[in-house]
Amino acid sequence: IVAEFGFSFSVLVYNIAQVSFRQRVTPHHLLGRMNASIRFV
């Protein structure tokens, strides 16, 4: 339970931080390809 709690907490902080940053700095015409490129990796 502690492991899942800590993991879930930190991953959500990480995800919200880096996904919002990526969305903010990427031109709209590249959003799909930026997200797909990262998801591919």
PDB file of all heavy atoms in Angstrom:
ATOM      1  N   ILE A   1       0.837  -1.204   0.000  1.00  0.00           N
ATOM      2  CA  ILE A   1       0.000   0.000   0.000  1.00  0.00           C
ATOM      3  C   ILE A   1       0.870   1.253   0.000  1.00  0.00           C
ATOM      4  O   ILE A   1       0.632   2.199  -0.767  1.00  0.00           O
ATOM      5  CB  ILE A   1      -0.954  -0.004   1.212  1.00  0.00           C
ATOM      6  CG1 ILE A   1      -2.045  -1.067   1.017  1.00  0.00           C
ATOM      7  CG2 ILE A   1      -1.589   1.377   1.405  1.00  0.00           C
ATOM      8  CD1 ILE A   1      -2.946  -1.258   2.220  1.00  0.00           C
ATOM      9  N   VAL A   2       1.911   1.270   0.845  1.00  0.00           N
ATOM     10  CA  VAL A   2       2.823   2.420   0.884  1.00  0.00           C
ATOM     11  C   VAL A   2       3.518   2.594  -0.457  1.00  0.00           C
ATOM     12  O   VAL A   2       3.679   3.713  -0.967  1.00  0.00           O
ATOM     13  CB  VAL A   2       3.852   2.260   2.020  1.00  0.00           C
ATOM     14  CG1 VAL A   2       4.918   3.352   1.937  1.00  0.00           C
ATOM     15  CG2 VAL A   2       3.166   2.302   3.371  1.00  0.00           C
ATOM     16  N   ALA A   3       3.938   1.460  -1.048  1.00  0.00           N
ATOM     17  CA  ALA A   3       4.614   1.515  -2.351  1.00  0.00           C
ATOM     18  C   ALA A   3       3.697   2.098  -3.416  1.00  0.00           C
ATOM     19  O   ALA A   3       4.097   2.985  -4.183  1.00  0.00           O
ATOM     20  CB  ALA A   3       5.078   0.116  -2.762  1.00  0.00           C
ATOM     21  N   GLU A   4       2.461   1.613  -3.472  1.00  0.00           N
ATOM     22  CA  GLU A   4       1.516   2.106  -4.470  1.00  0.00           C
ATOM     23  C   GLU A   4       1.158   3.569  -4.203  1.00  0.00           C
ATOM     24  O   GLU A   4       1.002   4.364  -5.139  1.00  0.00           O
ATOM     25  CB  GLU A   4       0.246   1.247  -4.454  1.00  0.00           C
ATOM     26  CG  GLU A   4       0.409  -0.125  -5.083  1.00  0.00           C
ATOM     27  CD  GLU A   4       0.723  -0.035  -6.561  1.00  0.00           C
ATOM     28  OE1 GLU A   4       0.061   0.738  -7.275  1.00  0.00           O
ATOM     29  OE2 GLU A   4       1.647  -0.740  -7.004  1.00  0.00           O
ATOM     30  N   PHE A   5       1.042   3.928  -2.931  1.00  0.00           N
ATOM     31  CA  PHE A   5       0.727   5.320  -2.573  1.00  0.00           C
ATOM     32  C   PHE A   5       1.841   6.255  -3.047  1.00  0.00           C
ATOM     33  O   PHE A   5       1.589   7.261  -3.723  1.00  0.00           O
ATOM     34  CB  PHE A   5       0.535   5.441  -1.063  1.00  0.00           C
ATOM     35  CG  PHE A   5       0.101   6.807  -0.604  1.00  0.00           C
ATOM     36  CD1 PHE A   5      -1.233   7.076  -0.371  1.00  0.00           C
ATOM     37  CD2 PHE A   5       1.029   7.825  -0.401  1.00  0.00           C
ATOM     38  CE1 PHE A   5      -1.651   8.338   0.045  1.00  0.00           C
ATOM     39  CE2 PHE A   5       0.634   9.085   0.016  1.00  0.00           C
ATOM     40  CZ  PHE A   5      -0.704   9.339   0.246  1.00  0.00           C
ATOM     41  N   GLY A   6       3.078   5.931  -2.685  1.00  0.00           N
ATOM     42  CA  GLY A   6       4.213   6.769  -3.071  1.00  0.00           C
ATOM     43  C   GLY A   6       4.402   6.829  -4.569  1.00  0.00           C
ATOM     44  O   GLY A   6       4.691   7.893  -5.134  1.00  0.00           O
ATOM     45  N   PHE A   7       4.230   5.687  -5.216  1.00  0.00           N
ATOM     46  CA  PHE A   7       4.396   5.643  -6.664  1.00  0.00           C
ATOM     47  C   PHE A   7       3.329   6.480  -7.362  1.00  0.00           C
ATOM     48  O   PHE A   7       3.629   7.291  -8.238  1.00  0.00           O
ATOM     49  CB  PHE A   7       4.320   4.185  -7.145  1.00  0.00           C
ATOM     50  CG  PHE A   7       4.597   4.025  -8.610  1.00  0.00           C
ATOM     51  CD1 PHE A   7       5.893   4.015  -9.095  1.00  0.00           C
ATOM     52  CD2 PHE A   7       3.559   3.881  -9.511  1.00  0.00           C
ATOM     53  CE1 PHE A   7       6.155   3.873 -10.451  1.00  0.00           C
ATOM     54  CE2 PHE A   7       3.798   3.746 -10.864  1.00  0.00           C
ATOM     55  CZ  PHE A   7       5.109   3.733 -11.338  1.00  0.00           C
ATOM     56  N   SER A   8       2.073   6.301  -6.960  1.00  0.00           N
ATOM     57  CA  SER A   8       0.975   7.039  -7.583  1.00  0.00           C
ATOM     58  C   SER A   8       1.128   8.542  -7.359  1.00  0.00           C
ATOM     59  O   SER A   8       0.927   9.341  -8.279  1.00  0.00           O
ATOM     60  CB  SER A   8      -0.372   6.572  -7.023  1.00  0.00           C
ATOM     61  OG  SER A   8      -0.601   5.222  -7.341  1.00  0.00           O
ATOM     62  N   PHE A   9       1.491   8.938  -6.146  1.00  0.00           N
ATOM     63  CA  PHE A   9       1.665  10.358  -5.835  1.00  0.00           C
ATOM     64  C   PHE A   9       2.736  10.981  -6.720  1.00  0.00           C
ATOM     65  O   PHE A   9       2.517  12.003  -7.374  1.00  0.00           O
ATOM     66  CB  PHE A   9       2.048  10.518  -4.361  1.00  0.00           C
ATOM     67  CG  PHE A   9       2.237  11.944  -3.920  1.00  0.00           C
ATOM     68  CD1 PHE A   9       1.188  12.654  -3.361  1.00  0.00           C
ATOM     69  CD2 PHE A   9       3.478  12.568  -4.055  1.00  0.00           C
ATOM     70  CE1 PHE A   9       1.363  13.975  -2.952  1.00  0.00           C
ATOM     71  CE2 PHE A   9       3.655  13.889  -3.661  1.00  0.00           C
ATOM     72  CZ  PHE A   9       2.593  14.590  -3.101  1.00  0.00           C
ATOM     73  N   SER A  10       3.903  10.352  -6.766  1.00  0.00           N
ATOM     74  CA  SER A  10       5.032  10.942  -7.487  1.00  0.00           C
ATOM     75  C   SER A  10       4.835  10.905  -8.993  1.00  0.00           C
ATOM     76  O   SER A  10       5.211  11.854  -9.696  1.00  0.00           O
ATOM     77  CB  SER A  10       6.333  10.222  -7.107  1.00  0.00           C
ATOM     78  OG  SER A  10       6.210   8.820  -7.262  1.00  0.00           O
ATOM     79  N   VAL A  11       4.237   9.843  -9.506  1.00  0.00           N
ATOM     80  CA  VAL A  11       4.013   9.762 -10.948  1.00  0.00           C
ATOM     81  C   VAL A  11       3.014  10.826 -11.404  1.00  0.00           C
ATOM     82  O   VAL A  11       3.182  11.427 -12.472  1.00  0.00           O
ATOM     83  CB  VAL A  11       3.522   8.348 -11.344  1.00  0.00           C
ATOM     84  CG1 VAL A  11       2.957   8.340 -12.755  1.00  0.00           C
ATOM     85  CG2 VAL A  11       4.672   7.359 -11.259  1.00  0.00           C
ATOM     86  N   LEU A  12       1.984  11.081 -10.598  1.00  0.00           N
ATOM     87  CA  LEU A  12       1.015  12.116 -10.981  1.00  0.00           C
ATOM     88  C   LEU A  12       1.649  13.498 -10.973  1.00  0.00           C
ATOM     89  O   LEU A  12       1.412  14.307 -11.871  1.00  0.00           O
ATOM     90  CB  LEU A  12      -0.203  12.073 -10.049  1.00  0.00           C
ATOM     91  CG  LEU A  12      -1.412  11.344 -10.612  1.00  0.00           C
ATOM     92  CD1 LEU A  12      -2.020  12.114 -11.778  1.00  0.00           C
ATOM     93  CD2 LEU A  12      -1.036   9.934 -11.066  1.00  0.00           C
ATOM     94  N   VAL A  13       2.466  13.780  -9.961  1.00  0.00           N
ATOM     95  CA  VAL A  13       3.166  15.068  -9.935  1.00  0.00           C
ATOM     96  C   VAL A  13       4.052  15.198 -11.174  1.00  0.00           C
ATOM     97  O   VAL A  13       4.058  16.229 -11.858  1.00  0.00           O
ATOM     98  CB  VAL A  13       4.012  15.197  -8.648  1.00  0.00           C
ATOM     99  CG1 VAL A  13       4.888  16.449  -8.696  1.00  0.00           C
ATOM    100  CG2 VAL A  13       3.108  15.238  -7.414  1.00  0.00           C
ATOM    101  N   TYR A  14       4.791  14.150 -11.466  1.00  0.00           N
ATOM    102  CA  TYR A  14       5.691  14.143 -12.631  1.00  0.00           C
ATOM    103  C   TYR A  14       4.913  14.318 -13.932  1.00  0.00           C
ATOM    104  O   TYR A  14       5.267  15.131 -14.782  1.00  0.00           O
ATOM    105  CB  TYR A  14       6.465  12.831 -12.643  1.00  0.00           C
ATOM    106  CG  TYR A  14       7.371  12.628 -13.838  1.00  0.00           C
ATOM    107  CD1 TYR A  14       8.656  13.156 -13.857  1.00  0.00           C
ATOM    108  CD2 TYR A  14       6.942  11.903 -14.950  1.00  0.00           C
ATOM    109  CE1 TYR A  14       9.489  12.969 -14.951  1.00  0.00           C
ATOM    110  CE2 TYR A  14       7.762  11.714 -16.041  1.00  0.00           C
ATOM    111  CZ  TYR A  14       9.044  12.241 -16.038  1.00  0.00           C
ATOM    112  OH  TYR A  14       9.860  12.055 -17.125  1.00  0.00           O
ATOM    113  N   ASN A  15       3.837  13.562 -14.073  1.00  0.00           N
ATOM    114  CA  ASN A  15       3.076  13.597 -15.316  1.00  0.00           C
ATOM    115  C   ASN A  15       2.424  14.948 -15.565  1.00  0.00           C
ATOM    116  O   ASN A  15       2.472  15.484 -16.674  1.00  0.00           O
ATOM    117  CB  ASN A  15       2.011  12.497 -15.319  1.00  0.00           C
ATOM    118  CG  ASN A  15       2.573  11.135 -15.652  1.00  0.00           C
ATOM    119  OD1 ASN A  15       3.697  11.026 -16.118  1.00  0.00           O
ATOM    120  ND2 ASN A  15       1.803  10.103 -15.411  1.00  0.00           N
ATOM    121  N   ILE A  16       1.779  15.498 -14.561  1.00  0.00           N
ATOM    122  CA  ILE A  16       1.130  16.797 -14.734  1.00  0.00           C
ATOM    123  C   ILE A  16       2.173  17.848 -15.095  1.00  0.00           C
ATOM    124  O   ILE A  16       1.967  18.683 -15.983  1.00  0.00           O
ATOM    125  CB  ILE A  16       0.368  17.205 -13.461  1.00  0.00           C
ATOM    126  CG1 ILE A  16      -0.829  16.266 -13.233  1.00  0.00           C
ATOM    127  CG2 ILE A  16      -0.116  18.647 -13.554  1.00  0.00           C
ATOM    128  CD1 ILE A  16      -1.527  16.465 -11.906  1.00  0.00           C
ATOM    129  N   ALA A  17       3.326  17.790 -14.423  1.00  0.00           N
ATOM    130  CA  ALA A  17       4.372  18.776 -14.672  1.00  0.00           C
ATOM    131  C   ALA A  17       4.901  18.694 -16.099  1.00  0.00           C
ATOM    132  O   ALA A  17       4.925  19.679 -16.825  1.00  0.00           O
ATOM    133  CB  ALA A  17       5.516  18.584 -13.672  1.00  0.00           C
ATOM    134  N   GLN A  18       5.314  17.500 -16.522  1.00  0.00           N
ATOM    135  CA  GLN A  18       5.986  17.426 -17.824  1.00  0.00           C
ATOM    136  C   GLN A  18       5.015  17.431 -19.009  1.00  0.00           C
ATOM    137  O   GLN A  18       5.322  17.972 -20.064  1.00  0.00           O
ATOM    138  CB  GLN A  18       6.942  16.228 -17.870  1.00  0.00           C
ATOM    139  CG  GLN A  18       6.331  14.864 -17.646  1.00  0.00           C
ATOM    140  CD  GLN A  18       5.956  14.172 -18.933  1.00  0.00           C
ATOM    141  OE1 GLN A  18       6.219  14.694 -20.021  1.00  0.00           O
ATOM    142  NE2 GLN A  18       5.346  13.017 -18.818  1.00  0.00           N
ATOM    143  N   VAL A  19       3.817  16.872 -18.858  1.00  0.00           N
ATOM    144  CA  VAL A  19       2.858  16.896 -19.965  1.00  0.00           C
ATOM    145  C   VAL A  19       2.389  18.327 -20.240  1.00  0.00           C
ATOM    146  O   VAL A  19       2.321  18.761 -21.390  1.00  0.00           O
ATOM    147  CB  VAL A  19       1.642  15.990 -19.663  1.00  0.00           C
ATOM    148  CG1 VAL A  19       0.515  16.263 -20.646  1.00  0.00           C
ATOM    149  CG2 VAL A  19       2.042  14.520 -19.763  1.00  0.00           C
ATOM    150  N   SER A  20       2.081  19.070 -19.181  1.00  0.00           N
ATOM    151  CA  SER A  20       1.632  20.453 -19.372  1.00  0.00           C
ATOM    152  C   SER A  20       2.737  21.300 -20.006  1.00  0.00           C
ATOM    153  O   SER A  20       2.466  22.153 -20.848  1.00  0.00           O
ATOM    154  CB  SER A  20       1.205  21.057 -18.039  1.00  0.00           C
ATOM    155  OG  SER A  20       0.105  20.351 -17.498  1.00  0.00           O
ATOM    156  N   PHE A  21       3.969  21.072 -19.592  1.00  0.00           N
ATOM    157  CA  PHE A  21       5.097  21.790 -20.198  1.00  0.00           C
ATOM    158  C   PHE A  21       5.194  21.475 -21.696  1.00  0.00           C
ATOM    159  O   PHE A  21       5.345  22.375 -22.528  1.00  0.00           O
ATOM    160  CB  PHE A  21       6.393  21.399 -19.485  1.00  0.00           C
ATOM    161  CG  PHE A  21       7.637  21.842 -20.201  1.00  0.00           C
ATOM    162  CD1 PHE A  21       7.896  23.193 -20.402  1.00  0.00           C
ATOM    163  CD2 PHE A  21       8.554  20.907 -20.667  1.00  0.00           C
ATOM    164  CE1 PHE A  21       9.051  23.612 -21.061  1.00  0.00           C
ATOM    165  CE2 PHE A  21       9.698  21.312 -21.332  1.00  0.00           C
ATOM    166  CZ  PHE A  21       9.950  22.665 -21.529  1.00  0.00           C
ATOM    167  N   ARG A  22       5.093  20.212 -22.055  1.00  0.00           N
ATOM    168  CA  ARG A  22       5.165  19.824 -23.466  1.00  0.00           C
ATOM    169  C   ARG A  22       4.037  20.460 -24.268  1.00  0.00           C
ATOM    170  O   ARG A  22       4.247  20.955 -25.376  1.00  0.00           O
ATOM    171  CB  ARG A  22       5.094  18.301 -23.588  1.00  0.00           C
ATOM    172  CG  ARG A  22       6.380  17.585 -23.237  1.00  0.00           C
ATOM    173  CD  ARG A  22       6.153  16.115 -22.919  1.00  0.00           C
ATOM    174  NE  ARG A  22       5.105  15.520 -23.715  1.00  0.00           N
ATOM    175  CZ  ARG A  22       4.506  14.371 -23.415  1.00  0.00           C
ATOM    176  NH1 ARG A  22       4.841  13.727 -22.315  1.00  0.00           N
ATOM    177  NH2 ARG A  22       3.559  13.877 -24.187  1.00  0.00           N
ATOM    178  N   GLN A  23       2.834  20.442 -23.723  1.00  0.00           N
ATOM    179  CA  GLN A  23       1.698  21.027 -24.433  1.00  0.00           C
ATOM    180  C   GLN A  23       1.871  22.531 -24.598  1.00  0.00           C
ATOM    181  O   GLN A  23       1.470  23.102 -25.609  1.00  0.00           O
ATOM    182  CB  GLN A  23       0.404  20.726 -23.671  1.00  0.00           C
ATOM    183  CG  GLN A  23       0.000  19.264 -23.689  1.00  0.00           C
ATOM    184  CD  GLN A  23      -1.132  18.972 -22.734  1.00  0.00           C
ATOM    185  OE1 GLN A  23      -1.391  19.742 -21.799  1.00  0.00           O
ATOM    186  NE2 GLN A  23      -1.820  17.866 -22.930  1.00  0.00           N
ATOM    187  N   ARG A  24       2.500  23.169 -23.617  1.00  0.00           N
ATOM    188  CA  ARG A  24       2.656  24.611 -23.630  1.00  0.00           C
ATOM    189  C   ARG A  24       3.679  25.074 -24.660  1.00  0.00           C
ATOM    190  O   ARG A  24       3.513  26.133 -25.268  1.00  0.00           O
ATOM    191  CB  ARG A  24       3.078  25.073 -22.231  1.00  0.00           C
ATOM    192  CG  ARG A  24       2.981  26.572 -22.001  1.00  0.00           C
ATOM    193  CD  ARG A  24       3.329  26.908 -20.567  1.00  0.00           C
ATOM    194  NE  ARG A  24       4.758  26.809 -20.305  1.00  0.00           N
ATOM    195  CZ  ARG A  24       5.284  26.853 -19.084  1.00  0.00           C
ATOM    196  NH1 ARG A  24       4.500  26.939 -18.030  1.00  0.00           N
ATOM    197  NH2 ARG A  24       6.587  26.781 -18.921  1.00  0.00           N
ATOM    198  N   VAL A  25       4.740  24.296 -24.864  1.00  0.00           N
ATOM    199  CA  VAL A  25       5.832  24.759 -25.725  1.00  0.00           C
ATOM    200  C   VAL A  25       5.738  24.229 -27.155  1.00  0.00           C
ATOM    201  O   VAL A  25       6.499  24.655 -28.013  1.00  0.00           O
ATOM    202  CB  VAL A  25       7.213  24.379 -25.140  1.00  0.00           C
ATOM    203  CG1 VAL A  25       7.410  25.021 -23.788  1.00  0.00           C
ATOM    204  CG2 VAL A  25       7.387  22.872 -25.061  1.00  0.00           C
ATOM    205  N   THR A  26       4.829  23.301 -27.415  1.00  0.00           N
ATOM    206  CA  THR A  26       4.750  22.693 -28.743  1.00  0.00           C
ATOM    207  C   THR A  26       3.774  23.448 -29.637  1.00  0.00           C
ATOM    208  O   THR A  26       2.634  23.694 -29.231  1.00  0.00           O
ATOM    209  CB  THR A  26       4.307  21.216 -28.648  1.00  0.00           C
ATOM    210  OG1 THR A  26       5.211  20.504 -27.794  1.00  0.00           O
ATOM    211  CG2 THR A  26       4.294  20.561 -30.021  1.00  0.00           C
ATOM    212  N   PRO A  27       4.174  23.818 -30.861  1.00  0.00           N
ATOM    213  CA  PRO A  27       3.236  24.439 -31.802  1.00  0.00           C
ATOM    214  C   PRO A  27       2.036  23.535 -32.061  1.00  0.00           C
ATOM    215  O   PRO A  27       2.174  22.309 -32.100  1.00  0.00           O
ATOM    216  CB  PRO A  27       4.084  24.606 -33.078  1.00  0.00           C
ATOM    217  CG  PRO A  27       5.501  24.592 -32.603  1.00  0.00           C
ATOM    218  CD  PRO A  27       5.526  23.680 -31.418  1.00  0.00           C
ATOM    219  N   HIS A  28       0.845  24.096 -32.243  1.00  0.00           N
ATOM    220  CA  HIS A  28      -0.377  23.303 -32.397  1.00  0.00           C
ATOM    221  C   HIS A  28      -0.285  22.309 -33.551  1.00  0.00           C
ATOM    222  O   HIS A  28      -0.778  21.181 -33.450  1.00  0.00           O
ATOM    223  CB  HIS A  28      -1.578  24.230 -32.594  1.00  0.00           C
ATOM    224  CG  HIS A  28      -2.127  24.775 -31.303  1.00  0.00           C
ATOM    225  ND1 HIS A  28      -3.391  25.280 -31.176  1.00  0.00           N
ATOM    226  CD2 HIS A  28      -1.561  24.887 -30.075  1.00  0.00           C
ATOM    227  CE1 HIS A  28      -3.593  25.677 -29.918  1.00  0.00           C
ATOM    228  NE2 HIS A  28      -2.492  25.459 -29.252  1.00  0.00           N
ATOM    229  N   HIS A  29       0.357  22.697 -34.642  1.00  0.00           N
ATOM    230  CA  HIS A  29       0.382  21.801 -35.798  1.00  0.00           C
ATOM    231  C   HIS A  29       1.292  20.593 -35.570  1.00  0.00           C
ATOM    232  O   HIS A  29       1.282  19.647 -36.367  1.00  0.00           O
ATOM    233  CB  HIS A  29       0.835  22.567 -37.052  1.00  0.00           C
ATOM    234  CG  HIS A  29       2.297  22.905 -37.067  1.00  0.00           C
ATOM    235  ND1 HIS A  29       2.811  23.979 -36.363  1.00  0.00           N
ATOM    236  CD2 HIS A  29       3.345  22.314 -37.694  1.00  0.00           C
ATOM    237  CE1 HIS A  29       4.120  24.038 -36.572  1.00  0.00           C
ATOM    238  NE2 HIS A  29       4.470  23.039 -37.364  1.00  0.00           N
ATOM    239  N   LEU A  30       2.062  20.607 -34.462  1.00  0.00           N
ATOM    240  CA  LEU A  30       2.952  19.486 -34.154  1.00  0.00           C
ATOM    241  C   LEU A  30       2.501  18.681 -32.936  1.00  0.00           C
ATOM    242  O   LEU A  30       3.159  17.721 -32.566  1.00  0.00           O
ATOM    243  CB  LEU A  30       4.372  20.005 -33.893  1.00  0.00           C
ATOM    244  CG  LEU A  30       5.234  20.343 -35.108  1.00  0.00           C
ATOM    245  CD1 LEU A  30       6.527  21.013 -34.651  1.00  0.00           C
ATOM    246  CD2 LEU A  30       5.548  19.095 -35.913  1.00  0.00           C
ATOM    247  N   LEU A  31       1.382  19.061 -32.320  1.00  0.00           N
ATOM    248  CA  LEU A  31       0.980  18.417 -31.066  1.00  0.00           C
ATOM    249  C   LEU A  31       0.816  16.906 -31.197  1.00  0.00           C
ATOM    250  O   LEU A  31       1.301  16.137 -30.374  1.00  0.00           O
ATOM    251  CB  LEU A  31      -0.317  19.040 -30.549  1.00  0.00           C
ATOM    252  CG  LEU A  31      -0.175  20.365 -29.794  1.00  0.00           C
ATOM    253  CD1 LEU A  31      -1.535  21.033 -29.616  1.00  0.00           C
ATOM    254  CD2 LEU A  31       0.496  20.141 -28.444  1.00  0.00           C
ATOM    255  N   GLY A  32       0.093  16.482 -32.247  1.00  0.00           N
ATOM    256  CA  GLY A  32      -0.126  15.050 -32.425  1.00  0.00           C
ATOM    257  C   GLY A  32       1.168  14.304 -32.624  1.00  0.00           C
ATOM    258  O   GLY A  32       1.408  13.250 -32.024  1.00  0.00           O
ATOM    259  N   ARG A  33       2.045  14.851 -33.455  1.00  0.00           N
ATOM    260  CA  ARG A  33       3.302  14.167 -33.747  1.00  0.00           C
ATOM    261  C   ARG A  33       4.271  14.223 -32.567  1.00  0.00           C
ATOM    262  O   ARG A  33       5.014  13.277 -32.318  1.00  0.00           O
ATOM    263  CB  ARG A  33       3.939  14.770 -35.008  1.00  0.00           C
ATOM    264  CG  ARG A  33       3.288  14.258 -36.284  1.00  0.00           C
ATOM    265  CD  ARG A  33       3.731  15.048 -37.495  1.00  0.00           C
ATOM    266  NE  ARG A  33       3.144  16.394 -37.491  1.00  0.00           N
ATOM    267  CZ  ARG A  33       3.517  17.354 -38.315  1.00  0.00           C
ATOM    268  NH1 ARG A  33       4.491  17.143 -39.181  1.00  0.00           N
ATOM    269  NH2 ARG A  33       2.923  18.538 -38.268  1.00  0.00           N
ATOM    270  N   MET A  34       4.252  15.335 -31.821  1.00  0.00           N
ATOM    271  CA  MET A  34       5.082  15.396 -30.620  1.00  0.00           C
ATOM    272  C   MET A  34       4.650  14.323 -29.628  1.00  0.00           C
ATOM    273  O   MET A  34       5.467  13.537 -29.123  1.00  0.00           O
ATOM    274  CB  MET A  34       4.965  16.781 -29.987  1.00  0.00           C
ATOM    275  CG  MET A  34       5.735  16.956 -28.659  1.00  0.00           C
ATOM    276  SD  MET A  34       4.825  16.407 -27.184  1.00  0.00           S
ATOM    277  CE  MET A  34       3.507  17.612 -27.097  1.00  0.00           C
ATOM    278  N   ASN A  35       3.341  14.268 -29.331  1.00  0.00           N
ATOM    279  CA  ASN A  35       2.849  13.269 -28.378  1.00  0.00           C
ATOM    280  C   ASN A  35       3.077  11.849 -28.868  1.00  0.00           C
ATOM    281  O   ASN A  35       3.460  10.968 -28.100  1.00  0.00           O
ATOM    282  CB  ASN A  35       1.358  13.499 -28.104  1.00  0.00           C
ATOM    283  CG  ASN A  35       1.112  14.678 -27.180  1.00  0.00           C
ATOM    284  OD1 ASN A  35       1.826  14.857 -26.202  1.00  0.00           O
ATOM    285  ND2 ASN A  35       0.120  15.492 -27.496  1.00  0.00           N
ATOM    286  N   ALA A  36       2.857  11.621 -30.171  1.00  0.00           N
ATOM    287  CA  ALA A  36       3.049  10.280 -30.720  1.00  0.00           C
ATOM    288  C   ALA A  36       4.518   9.883 -30.705  1.00  0.00           C
ATOM    289  O   ALA A  36       4.852   8.717 -30.429  1.00  0.00           O
ATOM    290  CB  ALA A  36       2.502  10.216 -32.145  1.00  0.00           C
ATOM    291  N   SER A  37       5.408  10.826 -31.010  1.00  0.00           N
ATOM    292  CA  SER A  37       6.839  10.524 -31.000  1.00  0.00           C
ATOM    293  C   SER A  37       7.288  10.113 -29.604  1.00  0.00           C
ATOM    294  O   SER A  37       8.031   9.134 -29.428  1.00  0.00           O
ATOM    295  CB  SER A  37       7.645  11.744 -31.473  1.00  0.00           C
ATOM    296  OG  SER A  37       7.341  12.067 -32.805  1.00  0.00           O
ATOM    297  N   ILE A  38       6.819  10.863 -28.604  1.00  0.00           N
ATOM    298  CA  ILE A  38       7.198  10.539 -27.229  1.00  0.00           C
ATOM    299  C   ILE A  38       6.559   9.228 -26.799  1.00  0.00           C
ATOM    300  O   ILE A  38       7.209   8.375 -26.175  1.00  0.00           O
ATOM    301  CB  ILE A  38       6.809  11.698 -26.292  1.00  0.00           C
ATOM    302  CG1 ILE A  38       7.682  12.925 -26.607  1.00  0.00           C
ATOM    303  CG2 ILE A  38       6.962  11.298 -24.828  1.00  0.00           C
ATOM    304  CD1 ILE A  38       7.332  14.152 -25.813  1.00  0.00           C
ATOM    305  N   ARG A  39       5.294   9.036 -27.142  1.00  0.00           N
ATOM    306  CA  ARG A  39       4.624   7.776 -26.788  1.00  0.00           C
ATOM    307  C   ARG A  39       5.308   6.579 -27.446  1.00  0.00           C
ATOM    308  O   ARG A  39       5.403   5.505 -26.862  1.00  0.00           O
ATOM    309  CB  ARG A  39       3.154   7.832 -27.205  1.00  0.00           C
ATOM    310  CG  ARG A  39       2.294   8.735 -26.339  1.00  0.00           C
ATOM    311  CD  ARG A  39       1.794   8.008 -25.128  1.00  0.00           C
ATOM    312  NE  ARG A  39       1.107   8.875 -24.205  1.00  0.00           N
ATOM    313  CZ  ARG A  39       0.066   8.495 -23.473  1.00  0.00           C
ATOM    314  NH1 ARG A  39      -0.409   7.283 -23.577  1.00  0.00           N
ATOM    315  NH2 ARG A  39      -0.489   9.328 -22.618  1.00  0.00           N
ATOM    316  N   PHE A  40       5.759   6.767 -28.680  1.00  0.00           N
ATOM    317  CA  PHE A  40       6.461   5.689 -29.384  1.00  0.00           C
ATOM    318  C   PHE A  40       7.674   5.228 -28.581  1.00  0.00           C
ATOM    319  O   PHE A  40       7.931   4.029 -28.435  1.00  0.00           O
ATOM    320  CB  PHE A  40       6.905   6.178 -30.763  1.00  0.00           C
ATOM    321  CG  PHE A  40       7.857   5.246 -31.455  1.00  0.00           C
ATOM    322  CD1 PHE A  40       7.413   4.065 -32.026  1.00  0.00           C
ATOM    323  CD2 PHE A  40       9.207   5.571 -31.549  1.00  0.00           C
ATOM    324  CE1 PHE A  40       8.295   3.204 -32.662  1.00  0.00           C
ATOM    325  CE2 PHE A  40      10.093   4.725 -32.194  1.00  0.00           C
ATOM    326  CZ  PHE A  40       9.639   3.537 -32.749  1.00  0.00           C
ATOM    327  N   VAL A  41       8.408   6.184 -28.032  1.00  0.00           N
ATOM    328  CA  VAL A  41       9.612   5.846 -27.274  1.00  0.00           C
ATOM    329  C   VAL A  41       9.263   5.324 -25.889  1.00  0.00           C
ATOM    330  O   VAL A  41       9.710   4.240 -25.493  1.00  0.00           O
ATOM    331  CB  VAL A  41      10.540   7.073 -27.160  1.00  0.00           C
ATOM    332  CG1 VAL A  41      11.758   6.742 -26.299  1.00  0.00           C
ATOM    333  CG2 VAL A  41      10.983   7.545 -28.535  1.00  0.00           C
TER     334      VAL A  41
END
